[in-house]
Structures are given as C-alpha cells and as structure tokens.
C-alpha cells in the first residue's frame, strides 16, 4: 500500500500548532475593504482556529490527528 499523503493545497493555507490545533487566515481581507465597517475589518484581522465540526474533514485531508479549539 502506498504512503498516505496530505493535501498539499491545504498545507499551504493552514498552520498546525504544536498541540495539534489548526489555524488559518480568514477570507475577504486582502483588498476592496474601503466599504467594510471598522468592526468587520478588525474581526477579519485575527487567525481562525478550527472548531469541532471542522476537525473530521481536516483529519481526512491531512491524515493527522488534530484537536479542536476549546470554547
């Protein structure tokens, strides 16, 4: 059986922390932001951490055991 390989496109877009959480940058943040409110721009500034609903899909794509963010 061949080696299981992670999804390379996803690996380029996420960071897996030392504890196994997955972080990524939110969309709609690069340009054309002048019409957005300040609250919206500030909320897009931070990184997003994978929740429990995201974990099964990410584990299948990355072939790794991951953890969800604590709420």
C-alpha atoms as a PDB file:
ATOM      1  CA  UNK A   1       0.000   0.000   0.000  1.00  0.00           C
ATOM      2  CA  UNK A   2       1.316   3.431  -0.883  1.00  0.00           C
ATOM      3  CA  UNK A   3       2.006   6.177   1.624  1.00  0.00           C
ATOM      4  CA  UNK A   4      -0.897   8.447   2.605  1.00  0.00           C
ATOM      5  CA  UNK A   5      -0.072  11.981   1.562  1.00  0.00           C
ATOM      6  CA  UNK A   6      -1.565  15.191   2.968  1.00  0.00           C
ATOM      7  CA  UNK A   7      -3.474  17.630   0.784  1.00  0.00           C
ATOM      8  CA  UNK A   8      -0.711  19.999  -0.363  1.00  0.00           C
ATOM      9  CA  UNK A   9      -3.064  22.871  -1.195  1.00  0.00           C
ATOM     10  CA  UNK A  10      -4.444  22.797   2.332  1.00  0.00           C
ATOM     11  CA  UNK A  11      -0.982  22.574   3.903  1.00  0.00           C
ATOM     12  CA  UNK A  12      -0.019  25.818   2.154  1.00  0.00           C
ATOM     13  CA  UNK A  13      -3.009  27.625   3.714  1.00  0.00           C
ATOM     14  CA  UNK A  14      -3.008  26.376   7.299  1.00  0.00           C
ATOM     15  CA  UNK A  15      -0.617  26.143  10.238  1.00  0.00           C
ATOM     16  CA  UNK A  16      -0.740  23.161  12.560  1.00  0.00           C
ATOM     17  CA  UNK A  17       0.301  24.156  16.067  1.00  0.00           C
ATOM     18  CA  UNK A  18       2.422  22.020  18.392  1.00  0.00           C
ATOM     19  CA  UNK A  19      -0.708  20.907  20.278  1.00  0.00           C
ATOM     20  CA  UNK A  20      -2.460  19.807  17.057  1.00  0.00           C
ATOM     21  CA  UNK A  21      -4.791  22.749  16.506  1.00  0.00           C
ATOM     22  CA  UNK A  22      -5.268  24.167  13.010  1.00  0.00           C
ATOM     23  CA  UNK A  23      -5.071  27.916  12.320  1.00  0.00           C
ATOM     24  CA  UNK A  24      -5.653  29.842   9.086  1.00  0.00           C
ATOM     25  CA  UNK A  25      -6.230  33.370   7.837  1.00  0.00           C
ATOM     26  CA  UNK A  26      -9.800  34.413   7.135  1.00  0.00           C
ATOM     27  CA  UNK A  27     -11.027  35.270   3.652  1.00  0.00           C
ATOM     28  CA  UNK A  28     -12.227  38.697   2.365  1.00  0.00           C
ATOM     29  CA  UNK A  29      -9.264  40.530   3.843  1.00  0.00           C
ATOM     30  CA  UNK A  30      -6.865  41.392   1.032  1.00  0.00           C
ATOM     31  CA  UNK A  31      -8.346  44.323  -0.925  1.00  0.00           C
ATOM     32  CA  UNK A  32     -11.573  46.242  -1.658  1.00  0.00           C
ATOM     33  CA  UNK A  33     -12.119  46.816   2.052  1.00  0.00           C
ATOM     34  CA  UNK A  34     -12.987  50.520   1.980  1.00  0.00           C
ATOM     35  CA  UNK A  35     -16.730  49.781   2.081  1.00  0.00           C
ATOM     36  CA  UNK A  36     -16.409  47.490   5.124  1.00  0.00           C
ATOM     37  CA  UNK A  37     -17.047  48.734   8.629  1.00  0.00           C
ATOM     38  CA  UNK A  38     -14.245  49.018  11.133  1.00  0.00           C
ATOM     39  CA  UNK A  39     -15.755  46.229  13.223  1.00  0.00           C
ATOM     40  CA  UNK A  40     -15.720  43.886  10.232  1.00  0.00           C
ATOM     41  CA  UNK A  41     -12.105  44.700   9.348  1.00  0.00           C
ATOM     42  CA  UNK A  42     -10.977  44.180  12.950  1.00  0.00           C
ATOM     43  CA  UNK A  43     -12.787  40.847  13.170  1.00  0.00           C
ATOM     44  CA  UNK A  44     -11.064  39.663   9.979  1.00  0.00           C
ATOM     45  CA  UNK A  45      -7.636  40.607  11.310  1.00  0.00           C
ATOM     46  CA  UNK A  46      -7.084  37.604  13.568  1.00  0.00           C
ATOM     47  CA  UNK A  47      -6.475  33.969  12.713  1.00  0.00           C
ATOM     48  CA  UNK A  48      -9.262  31.430  12.837  1.00  0.00           C
ATOM     49  CA  UNK A  49      -8.895  28.183  14.804  1.00  0.00           C
ATOM     50  CA  UNK A  50     -10.667  25.005  13.694  1.00  0.00           C
ATOM     51  CA  UNK A  51     -13.760  24.048  15.683  1.00  0.00           C
ATOM     52  CA  UNK A  52     -15.022  20.558  16.484  1.00  0.00           C
ATOM     53  CA  UNK A  53     -17.153  20.496  13.322  1.00  0.00           C
ATOM     54  CA  UNK A  54     -14.121  21.167  11.102  1.00  0.00           C
ATOM     55  CA  UNK A  55     -11.849  18.532  12.623  1.00  0.00           C
ATOM     56  CA  UNK A  56     -13.103  15.320  10.890  1.00  0.00           C
ATOM     57  CA  UNK A  57     -12.788  16.875   7.430  1.00  0.00           C
ATOM     58  CA  UNK A  58      -9.331  18.301   8.162  1.00  0.00           C
ATOM     59  CA  UNK A  59      -8.112  14.993   9.603  1.00  0.00           C
ATOM     60  CA  UNK A  60      -9.174  13.165   6.433  1.00  0.00           C
ATOM     61  CA  UNK A  61      -7.385  15.698   4.236  1.00  0.00           C
ATOM     62  CA  UNK A  62      -4.188  15.892   6.292  1.00  0.00           C
ATOM     63  CA  UNK A  63      -4.028  12.269   7.579  1.00  0.00           C
ATOM     64  CA  UNK A  64      -3.213  13.516  11.095  1.00  0.00           C
ATOM     65  CA  UNK A  65      -4.907  13.511  14.471  1.00  0.00           C
ATOM     66  CA  UNK A  66      -5.982  17.061  15.307  1.00  0.00           C
ATOM     67  CA  UNK A  67      -7.603  18.913  18.201  1.00  0.00           C
ATOM     68  CA  UNK A  68     -10.458  21.393  18.218  1.00  0.00           C
ATOM     69  CA  UNK A  69     -10.293  24.780  19.887  1.00  0.00           C
ATOM     70  CA  UNK A  70     -11.724  24.893  23.386  1.00  0.00           C
ATOM     71  CA  UNK A  71     -14.775  27.091  23.673  1.00  0.00           C
END
